[in-house]
Amino acid sequence: MRMRKTTAETVKGDVLAENQAKIDSYEKSIRAALERKRKVIIESKLYTYGQLSELYSGAEGQELLDAVTTEHALIQKLTDSGMTYEQIGELADDSSASKYGKQMSFSESNHSYSE
């Protein structure tokens, strides 16, 4: 014998169904918002990549990664040795190099030692 649903049970069922529909709608909205967020993050990363590429004379891919990594490692060595970012900036600044009577060069073709 099958029991007949009472009015209270029907109302509870309707409320629960409505609540589940709301939950489903919220979850769909959350998924859509997360997808929009993901797209904005990707756009930001691409913009940053483009700016870094410009800063490093158009380097791309592995070449850009190598340049940034090498520069970071060099700056890390200098800060580990006790230099401040201000001192590092002064070291690279042409005006501070002239304090020492000649321009500093980081190139491998400096022949000043062969004289």
N, C-alpha and C. Protein backbone atom coordinates (compact mmCIF):
# COMPACT_ATOMS: atom_id res chain seq x y z
N MET A 1 0.84 -1.16 0.00
CA MET A 1 0.00 0.00 0.00
C MET A 1 0.90 1.24 0.00
N ARG A 2 0.59 2.14 -0.84
CA ARG A 2 1.36 3.36 -1.01
C ARG A 2 0.76 4.48 -0.18
N MET A 3 1.70 5.19 0.54
CA MET A 3 1.22 6.27 1.39
C MET A 3 1.06 7.53 0.56
N ARG A 4 0.04 8.24 0.86
CA ARG A 4 -0.25 9.48 0.16
C ARG A 4 0.51 10.62 0.83
N LYS A 5 1.11 11.52 0.02
CA LYS A 5 1.84 12.65 0.57
C LYS A 5 0.87 13.65 1.17
N THR A 6 1.25 14.14 2.32
CA THR A 6 0.44 15.17 2.95
C THR A 6 0.80 16.51 2.34
N THR A 7 0.00 17.49 2.62
CA THR A 7 0.24 18.84 2.12
C THR A 7 1.57 19.39 2.62
N ALA A 8 1.91 19.13 3.87
CA ALA A 8 3.17 19.61 4.45
C ALA A 8 4.36 19.01 3.72
N GLU A 9 4.27 17.72 3.39
CA GLU A 9 5.36 17.08 2.67
C GLU A 9 5.50 17.66 1.28
N THR A 10 4.40 17.97 0.62
CA THR A 10 4.42 18.57 -0.71
C THR A 10 5.06 19.95 -0.66
N VAL A 11 4.69 20.75 0.35
CA VAL A 11 5.25 22.09 0.50
C VAL A 11 6.75 22.00 0.75
N LYS A 12 7.17 21.07 1.64
CA LYS A 12 8.59 20.89 1.91
C LYS A 12 9.32 20.51 0.63
N GLY A 13 8.74 19.63 -0.16
CA GLY A 13 9.34 19.20 -1.42
C GLY A 13 9.49 20.36 -2.38
N ASP A 14 8.48 21.21 -2.45
CA ASP A 14 8.53 22.38 -3.34
C ASP A 14 9.61 23.36 -2.88
N VAL A 15 9.70 23.58 -1.57
CA VAL A 15 10.71 24.49 -1.03
C VAL A 15 12.11 23.96 -1.32
N LEU A 16 12.28 22.66 -1.10
CA LEU A 16 13.59 22.07 -1.35
C LEU A 16 13.95 22.13 -2.83
N ALA A 17 12.98 21.89 -3.69
CA ALA A 17 13.23 21.97 -5.13
C ALA A 17 13.60 23.39 -5.54
N GLU A 18 12.89 24.37 -4.99
CA GLU A 18 13.20 25.78 -5.29
C GLU A 18 14.61 26.14 -4.80
N ASN A 19 14.92 25.69 -3.60
CA ASN A 19 16.25 25.96 -3.05
C ASN A 19 17.35 25.30 -3.89
N GLN A 20 17.09 24.08 -4.34
CA GLN A 20 18.07 23.39 -5.18
C GLN A 20 18.25 24.13 -6.50
N ALA A 21 17.17 24.64 -7.05
CA ALA A 21 17.26 25.41 -8.29
C ALA A 21 18.10 26.68 -8.08
N LYS A 22 17.91 27.33 -6.93
CA LYS A 22 18.71 28.52 -6.61
C LYS A 22 20.19 28.16 -6.49
N ILE A 23 20.46 27.06 -5.79
CA ILE A 23 21.84 26.60 -5.61
C ILE A 23 22.47 26.32 -6.97
N ASP A 24 21.73 25.62 -7.83
CA ASP A 24 22.23 25.31 -9.16
C ASP A 24 22.54 26.58 -9.95
N SER A 25 21.65 27.56 -9.84
CA SER A 25 21.84 28.83 -10.52
C SER A 25 23.07 29.56 -10.00
N TYR A 26 23.27 29.56 -8.68
CA TYR A 26 24.44 30.20 -8.08
C TYR A 26 25.73 29.52 -8.52
N GLU A 27 25.69 28.18 -8.56
CA GLU A 27 26.88 27.44 -8.98
C GLU A 27 27.22 27.74 -10.44
N LYS A 28 26.20 27.87 -11.27
CA LYS A 28 26.43 28.22 -12.67
C LYS A 28 27.03 29.62 -12.77
N SER A 29 26.52 30.55 -11.99
CA SER A 29 27.04 31.92 -11.97
C SER A 29 28.49 31.94 -11.49
N ILE A 30 28.78 31.15 -10.48
CA ILE A 30 30.15 31.08 -9.95
C ILE A 30 31.10 30.54 -11.02
N ARG A 31 30.70 29.48 -11.71
CA ARG A 31 31.54 28.92 -12.78
C ARG A 31 31.79 29.96 -13.87
N ALA A 32 30.75 30.70 -14.24
CA ALA A 32 30.90 31.74 -15.27
C ALA A 32 31.83 32.85 -14.79
N ALA A 33 31.69 33.26 -13.52
CA ALA A 33 32.56 34.31 -12.97
C ALA A 33 34.01 33.83 -12.91
N LEU A 34 34.22 32.58 -12.53
CA LEU A 34 35.57 32.04 -12.48
C LEU A 34 36.20 31.97 -13.87
N GLU A 35 35.39 31.66 -14.87
CA GLU A 35 35.90 31.64 -16.25
C GLU A 35 36.28 33.05 -16.70
N ARG A 36 35.46 34.04 -16.37
CA ARG A 36 35.79 35.43 -16.70
C ARG A 36 37.06 35.85 -15.98
N LYS A 37 37.20 35.45 -14.73
CA LYS A 37 38.41 35.76 -13.95
C LYS A 37 39.63 35.13 -14.61
N ARG A 38 39.51 33.88 -15.03
CA ARG A 38 40.62 33.18 -15.69
C ARG A 38 41.05 33.92 -16.95
N LYS A 39 40.08 34.40 -17.72
CA LYS A 39 40.40 35.13 -18.95
C LYS A 39 41.12 36.44 -18.66
N VAL A 40 40.71 37.14 -17.61
CA VAL A 40 41.37 38.40 -17.24
C VAL A 40 42.80 38.12 -16.78
N ILE A 41 42.99 37.05 -16.03
CA ILE A 41 44.33 36.67 -15.58
C ILE A 41 45.22 36.37 -16.77
N ILE A 42 44.71 35.64 -17.74
CA ILE A 42 45.48 35.32 -18.95
C ILE A 42 45.82 36.60 -19.71
N GLU A 43 44.85 37.51 -19.85
CA GLU A 43 45.11 38.79 -20.52
C GLU A 43 46.21 39.57 -19.80
N SER A 44 46.17 39.57 -18.48
CA SER A 44 47.18 40.27 -17.69
C SER A 44 48.56 39.66 -17.88
N LYS A 45 48.62 38.34 -17.91
CA LYS A 45 49.89 37.66 -18.13
C LYS A 45 50.44 37.96 -19.52
N LEU A 46 49.59 37.96 -20.52
CA LEU A 46 50.04 38.28 -21.88
C LEU A 46 50.53 39.72 -21.98
N TYR A 47 49.83 40.63 -21.31
CA TYR A 47 50.25 42.03 -21.30
C TYR A 47 51.62 42.16 -20.63
N THR A 48 51.78 41.50 -19.48
CA THR A 48 53.05 41.54 -18.76
C THR A 48 54.17 40.95 -19.60
N TYR A 49 53.90 39.84 -20.26
CA TYR A 49 54.88 39.21 -21.14
C TYR A 49 55.30 40.19 -22.23
N GLY A 50 54.33 40.86 -22.83
CA GLY A 50 54.64 41.82 -23.88
C GLY A 50 55.49 42.97 -23.38
N GLN A 51 55.19 43.47 -22.19
CA GLN A 51 55.98 44.56 -21.61
C GLN A 51 57.41 44.11 -21.31
N LEU A 52 57.56 42.90 -20.77
CA LEU A 52 58.91 42.38 -20.51
C LEU A 52 59.67 42.17 -21.81
N SER A 53 58.99 41.66 -22.81
CA SER A 53 59.62 41.45 -24.11
C SER A 53 60.14 42.77 -24.68
N GLU A 54 59.33 43.82 -24.58
CA GLU A 54 59.76 45.15 -25.03
C GLU A 54 60.97 45.62 -24.24
N LEU A 55 60.93 45.44 -22.94
CA LEU A 55 62.01 45.88 -22.06
C LEU A 55 63.32 45.17 -22.40
N TYR A 56 63.23 43.93 -22.81
CA TYR A 56 64.41 43.14 -23.15
C TYR A 56 64.60 43.05 -24.67
N SER A 57 64.43 44.18 -25.34
CA SER A 57 64.73 44.33 -26.78
C SER A 57 64.03 43.31 -27.66
N GLY A 58 62.81 42.97 -27.33
CA GLY A 58 62.03 42.07 -28.17
C GLY A 58 62.30 40.60 -27.96
N ALA A 59 63.06 40.26 -26.93
CA ALA A 59 63.33 38.85 -26.65
C ALA A 59 62.01 38.13 -26.37
N GLU A 60 61.94 36.88 -26.78
CA GLU A 60 60.73 36.08 -26.58
C GLU A 60 61.09 34.68 -26.13
N GLY A 61 60.11 34.02 -25.57
CA GLY A 61 60.25 32.62 -25.20
C GLY A 61 61.41 32.36 -24.26
N GLN A 62 62.20 31.35 -24.58
CA GLN A 62 63.32 30.93 -23.74
C GLN A 62 64.35 32.03 -23.60
N GLU A 63 64.57 32.79 -24.67
CA GLU A 63 65.54 33.89 -24.63
C GLU A 63 65.12 34.93 -23.58
N LEU A 64 63.84 35.26 -23.53
CA LEU A 64 63.33 36.22 -22.54
C LEU A 64 63.45 35.65 -21.13
N LEU A 65 63.07 34.39 -20.97
CA LEU A 65 63.18 33.75 -19.66
C LEU A 65 64.62 33.72 -19.18
N ASP A 66 65.55 33.38 -20.08
CA ASP A 66 66.97 33.35 -19.72
C ASP A 66 67.47 34.73 -19.30
N ALA A 67 67.07 35.77 -20.03
CA ALA A 67 67.52 37.13 -19.71
C ALA A 67 67.01 37.57 -18.35
N VAL A 68 65.74 37.34 -18.09
CA VAL A 68 65.15 37.73 -16.80
C VAL A 68 65.77 36.92 -15.67
N THR A 69 65.95 35.64 -15.87
CA THR A 69 66.52 34.77 -14.84
C THR A 69 67.97 35.16 -14.54
N THR A 70 68.75 35.45 -15.57
CA THR A 70 70.14 35.85 -15.38
C THR A 70 70.22 37.16 -14.62
N GLU A 71 69.39 38.13 -15.02
CA GLU A 71 69.39 39.42 -14.33
C GLU A 71 68.97 39.26 -12.87
N HIS A 72 67.96 38.45 -12.64
CA HIS A 72 67.49 38.22 -11.27
C HIS A 72 68.61 37.59 -10.43
N ALA A 73 69.30 36.60 -10.99
CA ALA A 73 70.38 35.92 -10.26
C ALA A 73 71.50 36.90 -9.93
N LEU A 74 71.84 37.77 -10.85
CA LEU A 74 72.89 38.76 -10.63
C LEU A 74 72.50 39.72 -9.51
N ILE A 75 71.28 40.23 -9.59
CA ILE A 75 70.81 41.15 -8.55
C ILE A 75 70.74 40.43 -7.20
N GLN A 76 70.34 39.19 -7.19
CA GLN A 76 70.29 38.42 -5.94
C GLN A 76 71.68 38.27 -5.34
N LYS A 77 72.69 38.01 -6.18
CA LYS A 77 74.06 37.91 -5.68
C LYS A 77 74.52 39.23 -5.07
N LEU A 78 74.19 40.32 -5.73
CA LEU A 78 74.59 41.63 -5.21
C LEU A 78 73.89 41.95 -3.90
N THR A 79 72.59 41.66 -3.81
CA THR A 79 71.89 41.94 -2.54
C THR A 79 72.35 40.98 -1.45
N ASP A 80 72.66 39.74 -1.80
CA ASP A 80 73.19 38.79 -0.82
C ASP A 80 74.53 39.25 -0.26
N SER A 81 75.29 39.99 -1.09
CA SER A 81 76.60 40.47 -0.63
C SER A 81 76.48 41.75 0.20
N GLY A 82 75.24 42.23 0.38
CA GLY A 82 75.02 43.38 1.24
C GLY A 82 74.67 44.67 0.52
N MET A 83 74.63 44.65 -0.80
CA MET A 83 74.30 45.87 -1.54
C MET A 83 72.79 46.12 -1.48
N THR A 84 72.43 47.39 -1.44
CA THR A 84 71.02 47.76 -1.49
C THR A 84 70.63 47.96 -2.96
N TYR A 85 69.34 48.01 -3.22
CA TYR A 85 68.89 48.27 -4.58
C TYR A 85 69.34 49.64 -5.05
N GLU A 86 69.40 50.59 -4.14
CA GLU A 86 69.88 51.93 -4.48
C GLU A 86 71.34 51.87 -4.93
N GLN A 87 72.17 51.11 -4.20
CA GLN A 87 73.58 50.98 -4.57
C GLN A 87 73.74 50.27 -5.92
N ILE A 88 72.90 49.27 -6.15
CA ILE A 88 72.95 48.56 -7.44
C ILE A 88 72.58 49.53 -8.56
N GLY A 89 71.55 50.36 -8.33
CA GLY A 89 71.16 51.36 -9.32
C GLY A 89 72.28 52.34 -9.59
N GLU A 90 72.96 52.77 -8.54
CA GLU A 90 74.08 53.69 -8.71
C GLU A 90 75.21 53.03 -9.48
N LEU A 91 75.44 51.76 -9.23
CA LEU A 91 76.48 51.02 -9.93
C LEU A 91 76.23 51.00 -11.43
N ALA A 92 74.98 50.87 -11.80
CA ALA A 92 74.62 50.81 -13.22
C ALA A 92 74.45 52.18 -13.85
N ASP A 93 74.36 53.22 -13.04
CA ASP A 93 74.14 54.58 -13.52
C ASP A 93 75.43 55.16 -14.10
N ASP A 94 75.35 55.70 -15.31
CA ASP A 94 76.53 56.28 -15.96
C ASP A 94 77.16 57.38 -15.12
N SER A 95 76.34 58.18 -14.43
CA SER A 95 76.88 59.29 -13.67
C SER A 95 77.74 58.80 -12.51
N SER A 96 77.39 57.67 -11.91
CA SER A 96 78.22 57.17 -10.82
C SER A 96 79.48 56.51 -11.36
N ALA A 97 79.43 55.97 -12.55
CA ALA A 97 80.62 55.37 -13.15
C ALA A 97 81.66 56.45 -13.43
N SER A 98 81.20 57.65 -13.78
CA SER A 98 82.15 58.71 -14.08
C SER A 98 82.84 59.20 -12.80
N LYS A 99 82.28 58.91 -11.64
CA LYS A 99 82.94 59.26 -10.37
C LYS A 99 84.29 58.57 -10.28
N TYR A 100 84.41 57.42 -10.93
CA TYR A 100 85.63 56.63 -10.84
C TYR A 100 86.58 56.90 -11.99
N GLY A 101 86.28 57.91 -12.80
CA GLY A 101 87.20 58.32 -13.84
C GLY A 101 87.01 57.64 -15.18
N LYS A 102 86.24 56.60 -15.24
CA LYS A 102 85.95 55.97 -16.54
C LYS A 102 84.62 55.25 -16.46
N GLN A 103 84.07 55.00 -17.61
CA GLN A 103 82.77 54.35 -17.66
C GLN A 103 82.94 52.87 -17.38
N MET A 104 82.03 52.34 -16.59
CA MET A 104 82.08 50.92 -16.28
C MET A 104 81.49 50.13 -17.44
N SER A 105 82.02 48.96 -17.70
CA SER A 105 81.51 48.12 -18.77
C SER A 105 81.36 46.70 -18.26
N PHE A 106 80.25 46.09 -18.63
CA PHE A 106 80.02 44.71 -18.25
C PHE A 106 80.19 43.78 -19.45
N SER A 107 80.74 44.30 -20.53
CA SER A 107 80.90 43.47 -21.73
C SER A 107 82.10 42.57 -21.60
N GLU A 108 82.09 41.50 -22.37
CA GLU A 108 83.20 40.56 -22.34
C GLU A 108 84.37 41.04 -23.18
N SER A 109 84.18 42.07 -23.99
CA SER A 109 85.24 42.53 -24.89
C SER A 109 86.03 43.70 -24.32
N ASN A 110 86.05 43.87 -23.02
CA ASN A 110 86.82 44.94 -22.40
C ASN A 110 88.29 44.55 -22.44
N HIS A 111 89.09 45.35 -23.13
CA HIS A 111 90.50 45.05 -23.33
C HIS A 111 91.41 45.85 -22.40
N SER A 112 90.84 46.47 -21.38
CA SER A 112 91.65 47.33 -20.50
C SER A 112 92.69 46.52 -19.71
N TYR A 113 92.49 45.22 -19.54
CA TYR A 113 93.43 44.41 -18.78
C TYR A 113 94.61 43.93 -19.64
N SER A 114 94.46 44.05 -20.94
CA SER A 114 95.52 43.53 -21.82
C SER A 114 96.61 44.54 -22.08
N GLU A 115 96.51 45.75 -21.54
CA GLU A 115 97.52 46.78 -21.77
C GLU A 115 98.73 46.59 -20.92
